PDB file of N, CA and C in Angstrom:
ATOM      1  N   MET A   1      36.593 -11.354   2.573  1.00  0.00           N
ATOM      2  CA  MET A   1      35.737 -11.678   4.074  1.00  0.00           C
ATOM      3  C   MET A   1      34.605 -10.609   4.347  1.00  0.00           C
ATOM      4  N   LYS A   2      35.732  -9.264   4.255  1.00  0.00           N
ATOM      5  CA  LYS A   2      34.522  -8.245   5.273  1.00  0.00           C
ATOM      6  C   LYS A   2      33.537  -7.724   4.129  1.00  0.00           C
ATOM      7  N   LYS A   3      33.440  -7.989   2.969  1.00  0.00           N
ATOM      8  CA  LYS A   3      32.703  -7.578   2.064  1.00  0.00           C
ATOM      9  C   LYS A   3      31.454  -8.797   2.329  1.00  0.00           C
ATOM     10  N   VAL A   4      31.688  -9.532   2.714  1.00  0.00           N
ATOM     11  CA  VAL A   4      30.731 -10.639   2.739  1.00  0.00           C
ATOM     12  C   VAL A   4      30.117 -10.295   4.249  1.00  0.00           C
ATOM     13  N   TYR A   5      31.133  -9.887   5.049  1.00  0.00           N
ATOM     14  CA  TYR A   5      30.382  -9.538   6.611  1.00  0.00           C
ATOM     15  C   TYR A   5      29.258  -8.348   6.520  1.00  0.00           C
ATOM     16  N   LYS A   6      29.921  -7.658   5.480  1.00  0.00           N
ATOM     17  CA  LYS A   6      28.676  -6.092   5.094  1.00  0.00           C
ATOM     18  C   LYS A   6      27.356  -6.764   4.484  1.00  0.00           C
ATOM     19  N   PHE A   7      27.483  -7.574   3.448  1.00  0.00           N
ATOM     20  CA  PHE A   7      26.646  -7.955   2.755  1.00  0.00           C
ATOM     21  C   PHE A   7      25.624  -8.561   3.644  1.00  0.00           C
ATOM     22  N   ILE A   8      26.235  -9.628   4.677  1.00  0.00           N
ATOM     23  CA  ILE A   8      25.139  -9.927   5.490  1.00  0.00           C
ATOM     24  C   ILE A   8      24.373  -9.407   6.356  1.00  0.00           C
ATOM     25  N   LYS A   9      24.980  -8.229   6.791  1.00  0.00           N
ATOM     26  CA  LYS A   9      24.614  -7.215   8.155  1.00  0.00           C
ATOM     27  C   LYS A   9      23.699  -6.525   7.210  1.00  0.00           C
ATOM     28  N   SER A  10      23.846  -6.196   5.944  1.00  0.00           N
ATOM     29  CA  SER A  10      22.986  -5.085   5.335  1.00  0.00           C
ATOM     30  C   SER A  10      22.129  -6.045   5.029  1.00  0.00           C
ATOM     31  N   PHE A  11      21.690  -7.119   4.733  1.00  0.00           N
ATOM     32  CA  PHE A  11      20.923  -8.075   4.241  1.00  0.00           C
ATOM     33  C   PHE A  11      19.658  -8.340   5.639  1.00  0.00           C
ATOM     34  N   LEU A  12      20.386  -8.276   6.732  1.00  0.00           N
ATOM     35  CA  LEU A  12      19.677  -8.722   7.821  1.00  0.00           C
ATOM     36  C   LEU A  12      19.244  -7.567   8.172  1.00  0.00           C
ATOM     37  N   PHE A  13      19.735  -6.503   8.103  1.00  0.00           N
ATOM     38  CA  PHE A  13      18.746  -4.909   8.881  1.00  0.00           C
ATOM     39  C   PHE A  13      17.925  -4.855   7.440  1.00  0.00           C
ATOM     40  N   ILE A  14      18.215  -4.969   6.381  1.00  0.00           N
ATOM     41  CA  ILE A  14      17.202  -4.540   5.267  1.00  0.00           C
ATOM     42  C   ILE A  14      15.916  -5.487   5.397  1.00  0.00           C
ATOM     43  N   SER A  15      16.080  -7.043   5.665  1.00  0.00           N
ATOM     44  CA  SER A  15      15.155  -7.739   5.812  1.00  0.00           C
ATOM     45  C   SER A  15      14.396  -7.260   6.939  1.00  0.00           C
ATOM     46  N   SER A  16      15.165  -7.214   8.174  1.00  0.00           N
ATOM     47  CA  SER A  16      14.141  -7.076   9.197  1.00  0.00           C
ATOM     48  C   SER A  16      13.477  -5.427   9.411  1.00  0.00           C
ATOM     49  N   TRP A  17      13.884  -4.361   9.225  1.00  0.00           N
ATOM     50  CA  TRP A  17      13.661  -3.184   8.652  1.00  0.00           C
ATOM     51  C   TRP A  17      12.119  -2.853   7.594  1.00  0.00           C
ATOM     52  N   LEU A  18      12.169  -4.325   6.230  1.00  0.00           N
ATOM     53  CA  LEU A  18      11.165  -4.019   5.800  1.00  0.00           C
ATOM     54  C   LEU A  18       9.630  -4.961   6.579  1.00  0.00           C
ATOM     55  N   ILE A  19      10.234  -5.778   7.220  1.00  0.00           N
ATOM     56  CA  ILE A  19       9.133  -6.566   7.779  1.00  0.00           C
ATOM     57  C   ILE A  19       8.548  -5.683   9.177  1.00  0.00           C
ATOM     58  N   LEU A  20       9.363  -4.699   9.569  1.00  0.00           N
ATOM     59  CA  LEU A  20       8.519  -4.110  10.750  1.00  0.00           C
ATOM     60  C   LEU A  20       7.998  -2.892  10.141  1.00  0.00           C
ATOM     61  N   SER A  21       8.922  -1.962   8.991  1.00  0.00           N
ATOM     62  CA  SER A  21       7.671  -1.257   8.308  1.00  0.00           C
ATOM     63  C   SER A  21       6.553  -1.554   8.330  1.00  0.00           C
ATOM     64  N   ALA A  22       6.391  -3.074   7.212  1.00  0.00           N
ATOM     65  CA  ALA A  22       5.167  -3.737   7.038  1.00  0.00           C
ATOM     66  C   ALA A  22       3.988  -3.822   7.838  1.00  0.00           C
ATOM     67  N   TYR A  23       4.711  -3.933   9.181  1.00  0.00           N
ATOM     68  CA  TYR A  23       3.858  -4.308  10.270  1.00  0.00           C
ATOM     69  C   TYR A  23       3.579  -2.994  10.830  1.00  0.00           C
ATOM     70  N   LEU A  24       3.729  -2.018  11.001  1.00  0.00           N
ATOM     71  CA  LEU A  24       3.724  -0.293  11.650  1.00  0.00           C
ATOM     72  C   LEU A  24       2.599   0.320  10.334  1.00  0.00           C
ATOM     73  N   GLN A  25       2.616  -0.360   9.000  1.00  0.00           N
ATOM     74  CA  GLN A  25       2.094   0.372   7.771  1.00  0.00           C
ATOM     75  C   GLN A  25       0.565   0.562   8.252  1.00  0.00           C
ATOM     76  N   LYS A  26       0.157  -0.785   8.794  1.00  0.00           N
ATOM     77  CA  LYS A  26      -1.428  -0.596   9.192  1.00  0.00           C
ATOM     78  C   LYS A  26      -1.777   0.461  10.111  1.00  0.00           C
ATOM     79  N   TYR A  27      -1.048   0.454  11.348  1.00  0.00           N
ATOM     80  CA  TYR A  27      -1.419   1.743  11.973  1.00  0.00           C
ATOM     81  C   TYR A  27      -1.259   3.214  11.385  1.00  0.00           C
ATOM     82  N   TRP A  28      -0.272   3.241  10.401  1.00  0.00           N
ATOM     83  CA  TRP A  28      -0.212   4.596   9.535  1.00  0.00           C
ATOM     84  C   TRP A  28      -1.289   4.754   8.517  1.00  0.00           C
ATOM     85  N   ASN A  29      -1.941   3.646   7.820  1.00  0.00           N
ATOM     86  CA  ASN A  29      -3.209   3.136   7.394  1.00  0.00           C
ATOM     87  C   ASN A  29      -4.432   4.587   8.197  1.00  0.00           C
ATOM     88  N   THR A  30      -4.526   3.544   9.394  1.00  0.00           N
ATOM     89  CA  THR A  30      -5.570   4.067  10.454  1.00  0.00           C
ATOM     90  C   THR A  30      -5.544   5.601  10.605  1.00  0.00           C
ATOM     91  N   PHE A  31      -3.818   5.812  11.581  1.00  0.00           N
ATOM     92  CA  PHE A  31      -3.938   7.327  11.697  1.00  0.00           C
ATOM     93  C   PHE A  31      -3.804   8.308  10.710  1.00  0.00           C
ATOM     94  N   HIS A  32      -3.414   7.846   9.658  1.00  0.00           N
ATOM     95  CA  HIS A  32      -4.066   9.097   8.393  1.00  0.00           C
ATOM     96  C   HIS A  32      -5.215   8.828   8.220  1.00  0.00           C
ATOM     97  N   TRP A  33      -6.317   8.111   7.808  1.00  0.00           N
ATOM     98  CA  TRP A  33      -7.635   7.895   7.398  1.00  0.00           C
ATOM     99  C   TRP A  33      -8.118   8.881   8.601  1.00  0.00           C
ATOM    100  N   GLU A  34      -7.930   8.772  10.066  1.00  0.00           N
ATOM    101  CA  GLU A  34      -8.493   9.058  10.985  1.00  0.00           C
ATOM    102  C   GLU A  34      -7.923  10.469  11.086  1.00  0.00           C
ATOM    103  N   TYR A  35      -6.911  10.929  11.334  1.00  0.00           N
ATOM    104  CA  TYR A  35      -6.137  12.462  11.823  1.00  0.00           C
ATOM    105  C   TYR A  35      -6.460  13.157  10.524  1.00  0.00           C
ATOM    106  N   ILE A  36      -5.509  12.776   9.957  1.00  0.00           N
ATOM    107  CA  ILE A  36      -5.065  13.532   8.446  1.00  0.00           C
ATOM    108  C   ILE A  36      -6.026  13.709   7.515  1.00  0.00           C
ATOM    109  N   TYR A  37      -6.136  12.840   6.854  1.00  0.00           N
ATOM    110  CA  TYR A  37      -7.358  12.698   5.284  1.00  0.00           C
ATOM    111  C   TYR A  37      -9.202  13.304   5.654  1.00  0.00           C
ATOM    112  N   LEU A  38      -9.337  12.584   6.682  1.00  0.00           N
ATOM    113  CA  LEU A  38     -10.858  12.865   7.079  1.00  0.00           C
ATOM    114  C   LEU A  38     -10.704  14.366   7.341  1.00  0.00           C
ATOM    115  N   ASN A  39     -10.135  14.952   8.044  1.00  0.00           N
ATOM    116  CA  ASN A  39      -9.933  16.322   8.171  1.00  0.00           C
ATOM    117  C   ASN A  39      -9.943  17.366   7.089  1.00  0.00           C
ATOM    118  N   LEU A  40      -8.719  16.557   6.218  1.00  0.00           N
ATOM    119  CA  LEU A  40      -8.856  17.735   4.841  1.00  0.00           C
ATOM    120  C   LEU A  40      -9.654  17.299   3.715  1.00  0.00           C
ATOM    121  N   ARG A  41     -10.732  16.266   3.763  1.00  0.00           N
ATOM    122  CA  ARG A  41     -11.451  15.758   3.208  1.00  0.00           C
ATOM    123  C   ARG A  41     -12.474  16.739   2.995  1.00  0.00           C
ATOM    124  N   THR A  42     -12.748  17.683   4.045  1.00  0.00           N
ATOM    125  CA  THR A  42     -13.877  18.014   3.960  1.00  0.00           C
ATOM    126  C   THR A  42     -14.230  19.828   3.094  1.00  0.00           C
ATOM    127  N   ILE A  43     -12.546  20.027   2.948  1.00  0.00           N
ATOM    128  CA  ILE A  43     -12.617  21.027   2.248  1.00  0.00           C
ATOM    129  C   ILE A  43     -13.224  21.110   0.974  1.00  0.00           C
ATOM    130  N   PHE A  44     -13.043  19.749   0.179  1.00  0.00           N
ATOM    131  CA  PHE A  44     -13.652  19.292  -1.321  1.00  0.00           C
ATOM    132  C   PHE A  44     -15.434  18.920  -1.442  1.00  0.00           C
ATOM    133  N   ASP A  45     -15.643  18.991  -0.101  1.00  0.00           N
ATOM    134  CA  ASP A  45     -17.128  18.893  -0.350  1.00  0.00           C
ATOM    135  C   ASP A  45     -18.039  20.341  -0.461  1.00  0.00           C
ATOM    136  N   LYS A  46     -17.339  21.155  -0.583  1.00  0.00           N
ATOM    137  CA  LYS A  46     -17.931  22.309  -0.895  1.00  0.00           C
ATOM    138  C   LYS A  46     -18.554  22.881  -1.918  1.00  0.00           C
ATOM    139  N   GLU A  47     -19.540  23.892  -2.062  1.00  0.00           N
ATOM    140  CA  GLU A  47     -20.674  23.737  -3.301  1.00  0.00           C
ATOM    141  C   GLU A  47     -19.117  24.750  -4.558  1.00  0.00           C
ATOM    142  N   PHE A  48     -18.052  25.553  -3.879  1.00  0.00           N
ATOM    143  CA  PHE A  48     -17.204  25.864  -4.766  1.00  0.00           C
ATOM    144  C   PHE A  48     -16.776  25.128  -5.627  1.00  0.00           C
ATOM    145  N   TRP A  49     -16.366  23.563  -5.622  1.00  0.00           N
ATOM    146  CA  TRP A  49     -15.426  22.931  -6.396  1.00  0.00           C
ATOM    147  C   TRP A  49     -16.701  22.538  -7.604  1.00  0.00           C
ATOM    148  N   TYR A  50     -18.056  22.664  -7.329  1.00  0.00           N
ATOM    149  CA  TYR A  50     -18.820  22.311  -8.666  1.00  0.00           C
ATOM    150  C   TYR A  50     -19.088  23.394  -9.096  1.00  0.00           C
ATOM    151  N   VAL A  51     -18.911  24.698  -8.679  1.00  0.00           N
ATOM    152  CA  VAL A  51     -19.165  25.568  -9.507  1.00  0.00           C
ATOM    153  C   VAL A  51     -17.862  26.047 -10.298  1.00  0.00           C
ATOM    154  N   LEU A  52     -16.974  25.563  -9.836  1.00  0.00           N
ATOM    155  CA  LEU A  52     -15.303  25.654 -10.452  1.00  0.00           C
ATOM    156  C   LEU A  52     -15.828  25.021 -11.791  1.00  0.00           C
ATOM    157  N   GLU A  53     -15.946  23.755 -11.404  1.00  0.00           N
ATOM    158  CA  GLU A  53     -15.808  22.600 -12.505  1.00  0.00           C
ATOM    159  C   GLU A  53     -16.737  23.066 -13.462  1.00  0.00           C
ATOM    160  N   LYS A  54     -17.826  23.919 -13.289  1.00  0.00           N
ATOM    161  CA  LYS A  54     -18.810  24.142 -14.409  1.00  0.00           C
ATOM    162  C   LYS A  54     -17.682  25.369 -15.538  1.00  0.00           C
ATOM    163  N   TYR A  55     -17.179  26.287 -14.573  1.00  0.00           N
ATOM    164  CA  TYR A  55     -16.457  27.309 -15.414  1.00  0.00           C
ATOM    165  C   TYR A  55     -15.443  26.771 -16.372  1.00  0.00           C
ATOM    166  N   LEU A  56     -14.556  25.761 -15.848  1.00  0.00           N
ATOM    167  CA  LEU A  56     -13.620  25.138 -15.889  1.00  0.00           C
ATOM    168  C   LEU A  56     -14.253  24.047 -17.443  1.00  0.00           C
ATOM    169  N   PHE A  57     -15.383  24.136 -17.868  1.00  0.00           N
ATOM    170  CA  PHE A  57     -16.063  23.439 -18.942  1.00  0.00           C
ATOM    171  C   PHE A  57     -15.656  22.004 -18.821  1.00  0.00           C
ATOM    172  N   GLY A  58     -16.165  21.412 -17.228  1.00  0.00           N
ATOM    173  CA  GLY A  58     -16.152  19.967 -16.815  1.00  0.00           C
ATOM    174  C   GLY A  58     -14.687  19.499 -15.999  1.00  0.00           C
ATOM    175  N   LEU A  59     -14.004  20.052 -15.877  1.00  0.00           N
ATOM    176  CA  LEU A  59     -12.558  19.890 -15.380  1.00  0.00           C
ATOM    177  C   LEU A  59     -12.520  19.945 -13.754  1.00  0.00           C
ATOM    178  N   ASP A  60     -12.822  18.315 -13.346  1.00  0.00           N
ATOM    179  CA  ASP A  60     -12.994  18.480 -11.885  1.00  0.00           C
ATOM    180  C   ASP A  60     -11.745  18.819 -11.309  1.00  0.00           C
ATOM    181  N   LEU A  61     -11.418  19.841 -10.816  1.00  0.00           N
ATOM    182  CA  LEU A  61     -10.029  20.479 -10.207  1.00  0.00           C
ATOM    183  C   LEU A  61     -10.097  19.967  -8.770  1.00  0.00           C
ATOM    184  N   GLY A  62     -10.987  19.805  -7.954  1.00  0.00           N
ATOM    185  CA  GLY A  62     -11.189  19.575  -6.875  1.00  0.00           C
ATOM    186  C   GLY A  62     -10.911  18.074  -6.754  1.00  0.00           C
ATOM    187  N   TYR A  63     -11.203  17.212  -7.509  1.00  0.00           N
ATOM    188  CA  TYR A  63     -10.947  15.695  -7.539  1.00  0.00           C
ATOM    189  C   TYR A  63      -9.173  15.323  -7.700  1.00  0.00           C
ATOM    190  N   TRP A  64      -8.719  16.286  -8.423  1.00  0.00           N
ATOM    191  CA  TRP A  64      -7.215  16.159  -8.899  1.00  0.00           C
ATOM    192  C   TRP A  64      -6.429  16.809  -7.672  1.00  0.00           C
ATOM    193  N   ILE A  65      -7.104  17.993  -7.032  1.00  0.00           N
ATOM    194  CA  ILE A  65      -6.053  18.484  -5.647  1.00  0.00           C
ATOM    195  C   ILE A  65      -6.511  17.673  -4.847  1.00  0.00           C
ATOM    196  N   GLU A  66      -7.591  16.752  -4.769  1.00  0.00           N
ATOM    197  CA  GLU A  66      -7.491  15.915  -3.490  1.00  0.00           C
ATOM    198  C   GLU A  66      -6.831  15.203  -3.449  1.00  0.00           C
ATOM    199  N   GLU A  67      -6.515  14.172  -4.920  1.00  0.00           N
ATOM    200  CA  GLU A  67      -5.747  13.256  -5.244  1.00  0.00           C
ATOM    201  C   GLU A  67      -4.461  13.602  -4.843  1.00  0.00           C
ATOM    202  N   PHE A  68      -3.971  14.734  -5.009  1.00  0.00           N
ATOM    203  CA  PHE A  68      -2.667  15.410  -4.636  1.00  0.00           C
ATOM    204  C   PHE A  68      -2.231  15.260  -3.464  1.00  0.00           C
ATOM    205  N   ILE A  69      -3.412  15.998  -2.313  1.00  0.00           N
ATOM    206  CA  ILE A  69      -3.135  15.858  -1.260  1.00  0.00           C
ATOM    207  C   ILE A  69      -2.971  14.796  -0.295  1.00  0.00           C
ATOM    208  N   LYS A  70      -4.058  13.565  -1.369  1.00  0.00           N
ATOM    209  CA  LYS A  70      -3.937  12.279  -0.481  1.00  0.00           C
ATOM    210  C   LYS A  70      -2.569  11.705  -1.121  1.00  0.00           C
ATOM    211  N   PHE A  71      -1.688  11.976  -2.184  1.00  0.00           N
ATOM    212  CA  PHE A  71      -0.482  11.458  -2.207  1.00  0.00           C
ATOM    213  C   PHE A  71       0.566  12.198  -1.424  1.00  0.00           C
ATOM    214  N   ILE A  72       0.642  13.221  -1.575  1.00  0.00           N
ATOM    215  CA  ILE A  72       1.535  14.055  -0.435  1.00  0.00           C
ATOM    216  C   ILE A  72       1.418  13.558   0.921  1.00  0.00           C
ATOM    217  N   SER A  73       0.209  13.217   1.624  1.00  0.00           N
ATOM    218  CA  SER A  73      -0.021  13.201   3.003  1.00  0.00           C
ATOM    219  C   SER A  73       0.518  11.824   3.608  1.00  0.00           C
ATOM    220  N   TYR A  74      -0.050  10.950   2.282  1.00  0.00           N
ATOM    221  CA  TYR A  74      -0.127   9.680   2.827  1.00  0.00           C
ATOM    222  C   TYR A  74       1.115   8.650   2.075  1.00  0.00           C
ATOM    223  N   GLU A  75       1.337   8.960   0.421  1.00  0.00           N
ATOM    224  CA  GLU A  75       2.467   8.052   0.013  1.00  0.00           C
ATOM    225  C   GLU A  75       3.976   8.187   0.551  1.00  0.00           C
ATOM    226  N   ILE A  76       3.806   9.768   0.349  1.00  0.00           N
ATOM    227  CA  ILE A  76       5.462  10.050   0.423  1.00  0.00           C
ATOM    228  C   ILE A  76       5.810  10.047   2.326  1.00  0.00           C
ATOM    229  N   PRO A  77       5.033  10.280   2.894  1.00  0.00           N
ATOM    230  CA  PRO A  77       5.473   9.959   4.212  1.00  0.00           C
ATOM    231  C   PRO A  77       5.960   8.150   4.305  1.00  0.00           C
ATOM    232  N   LYS A  78       4.963   7.731   3.915  1.00  0.00           N
ATOM    233  CA  LYS A  78       5.224   6.199   4.486  1.00  0.00           C
ATOM    234  C   LYS A  78       6.185   5.275   3.476  1.00  0.00           C
ATOM    235  N   GLU A  79       6.203   5.975   2.182  1.00  0.00           N
ATOM    236  CA  GLU A  79       7.423   5.288   1.905  1.00  0.00           C
ATOM    237  C   GLU A  79       9.125   6.226   2.102  1.00  0.00           C
ATOM    238  N   SER A  80       9.153   7.306   2.743  1.00  0.00           N
ATOM    239  CA  SER A  80      10.173   7.866   3.206  1.00  0.00           C
ATOM    240  C   SER A  80      10.472   7.148   4.395  1.00  0.00           C
ATOM    241  N   PHE A  81       9.301   6.560   5.137  1.00  0.00           N
ATOM    242  CA  PHE A  81       9.694   5.939   6.659  1.00  0.00           C
ATOM    243  C   PHE A  81      10.232   4.630   6.015  1.00  0.00           C
ATOM    244  N   LYS A  82      10.093   4.211   4.775  1.00  0.00           N
ATOM    245  CA  LYS A  82      10.560   2.845   4.651  1.00  0.00           C
ATOM    246  C   LYS A  82      11.670   2.843   4.412  1.00  0.00           C
ATOM    247  N   TYR A  83      12.461   3.886   3.427  1.00  0.00           N
ATOM    248  CA  TYR A  83      13.411   3.829   2.312  1.00  0.00           C
ATOM    249  C   TYR A  83      14.309   4.687   3.217  1.00  0.00           C
ATOM    250  N   VAL A  84      14.409   5.882   3.641  1.00  0.00           N
ATOM    251  CA  VAL A  84      15.373   6.274   4.067  1.00  0.00           C
ATOM    252  C   VAL A  84      15.888   5.964   5.492  1.00  0.00           C
ATOM    253  N   PRO A  85      15.549   5.014   6.036  1.00  0.00           N
ATOM    254  CA  PRO A  85      16.664   4.398   6.962  1.00  0.00           C
ATOM    255  C   PRO A  85      17.226   3.392   6.303  1.00  0.00           C
ATOM    256  N   ILE A  86      17.061   3.109   5.553  1.00  0.00           N
ATOM    257  CA  ILE A  86      18.023   1.909   4.979  1.00  0.00           C
ATOM    258  C   ILE A  86      18.676   2.693   3.881  1.00  0.00           C
ATOM    259  N   PHE A  87      18.829   3.661   3.162  1.00  0.00           N
ATOM    260  CA  PHE A  87      19.839   4.077   2.830  1.00  0.00           C
ATOM    261  C   PHE A  87      20.883   4.898   3.677  1.00  0.00           C
ATOM    262  N   PHE A  88      20.213   5.580   4.825  1.00  0.00           N
ATOM    263  CA  PHE A  88      21.464   5.522   5.507  1.00  0.00           C
ATOM    264  C   PHE A  88      22.115   4.655   6.374  1.00  0.00           C
ATOM    265  N   PHE A  89      21.633   3.333   6.714  1.00  0.00           N
ATOM    266  CA  PHE A  89      22.439   2.487   7.141  1.00  0.00           C
ATOM    267  C   PHE A  89      23.163   1.873   6.244  1.00  0.00           C
ATOM    268  N   LEU A  90      22.502   1.513   4.955  1.00  0.00           N
ATOM    269  CA  LEU A  90      24.128   1.392   3.762  1.00  0.00           C
ATOM    270  C   LEU A  90      24.706   2.203   3.446  1.00  0.00           C
ATOM    271  N   LYS A  91      24.679   3.758   3.442  1.00  0.00           N
ATOM    272  CA  LYS A  91      25.605   4.343   3.586  1.00  0.00           C
ATOM    273  C   LYS A  91      26.635   4.687   4.291  1.00  0.00           C
ATOM    274  N   ILE A  92      26.158   4.172   5.750  1.00  0.00           N
ATOM    275  CA  ILE A  92      27.106   4.445   6.969  1.00  0.00           C
ATOM    276  C   ILE A  92      28.272   2.753   6.795  1.00  0.00           C
ATOM    277  N   ILE A  93      27.574   1.864   6.185  1.00  0.00           N
ATOM    278  CA  ILE A  93      28.169   0.467   6.136  1.00  0.00           C
ATOM    279  C   ILE A  93      28.726   0.293   4.738  1.00  0.00           C
ATOM    280  N   TRP A  94      28.490   1.117   3.798  1.00  0.00           N
ATOM    281  CA  TRP A  94      29.571   0.661   2.400  1.00  0.00           C
ATOM    282  C   TRP A  94      30.550   2.050   1.834  1.00  0.00           C
ATOM    283  N   ILE A  95      29.826   2.632   2.914  1.00  0.00           N
ATOM    284  CA  ILE A  95      31.046   4.065   2.085  1.00  0.00           C
ATOM    285  C   ILE A  95      32.119   4.160   3.286  1.00  0.00           C
ATOM    286  N   LYS A  96      33.373   4.322   2.490  1.00  0.00           N
ATOM    287  CA  LYS A  96      34.593   3.953   3.087  1.00  0.00           C
ATOM    288  C   LYS A  96      34.579   5.809   3.594  1.00  0.00           C
ATOM    289  N   ARG A  97      34.886   6.053   4.984  1.00  0.00           N
ATOM    290  CA  ARG A  97      35.201   7.158   5.550  1.00  0.00           C
ATOM    291  C   ARG A  97      36.559   7.542   5.407  1.00  0.00           C
ATOM    292  N   LYS A  98      36.925   8.757   5.370  1.00  0.00           N
ATOM    293  CA  LYS A  98      38.021   9.111   5.295  1.00  0.00           C
ATOM    294  C   LYS A  98      38.561   9.715   6.489  1.00  0.00           C
ATOM    295  N   LYS A  99      39.775   9.322   6.786  1.00  0.00           N
ATOM    296  CA  LYS A  99      40.253  10.228   8.142  1.00  0.00           C
ATOM    297  C   LYS A  99      41.340  11.054   8.255  1.00  0.00           C
TER     298      LYS A  99
END
């Protein structure tokens, strides 16, 4: 019976947390676009990247660095905000503590 109670508690928390985080995600999209990405984007509009591409035989290094920064600054914080609280909550509920 105790495991059923833990399961119901876990299910309700995960469901409510994912609904809440999906609602907050649109605010994260706006915040990231306006305050983080557009400020970092100006670095890749410089002539330096075109010259570097010419010397690297057409390899657009600026594009790949820009995509990497977009991934690091957007996807990782978004997914961490979504799944790290679930991990810690489930860890607290399901793992028995030794006293």
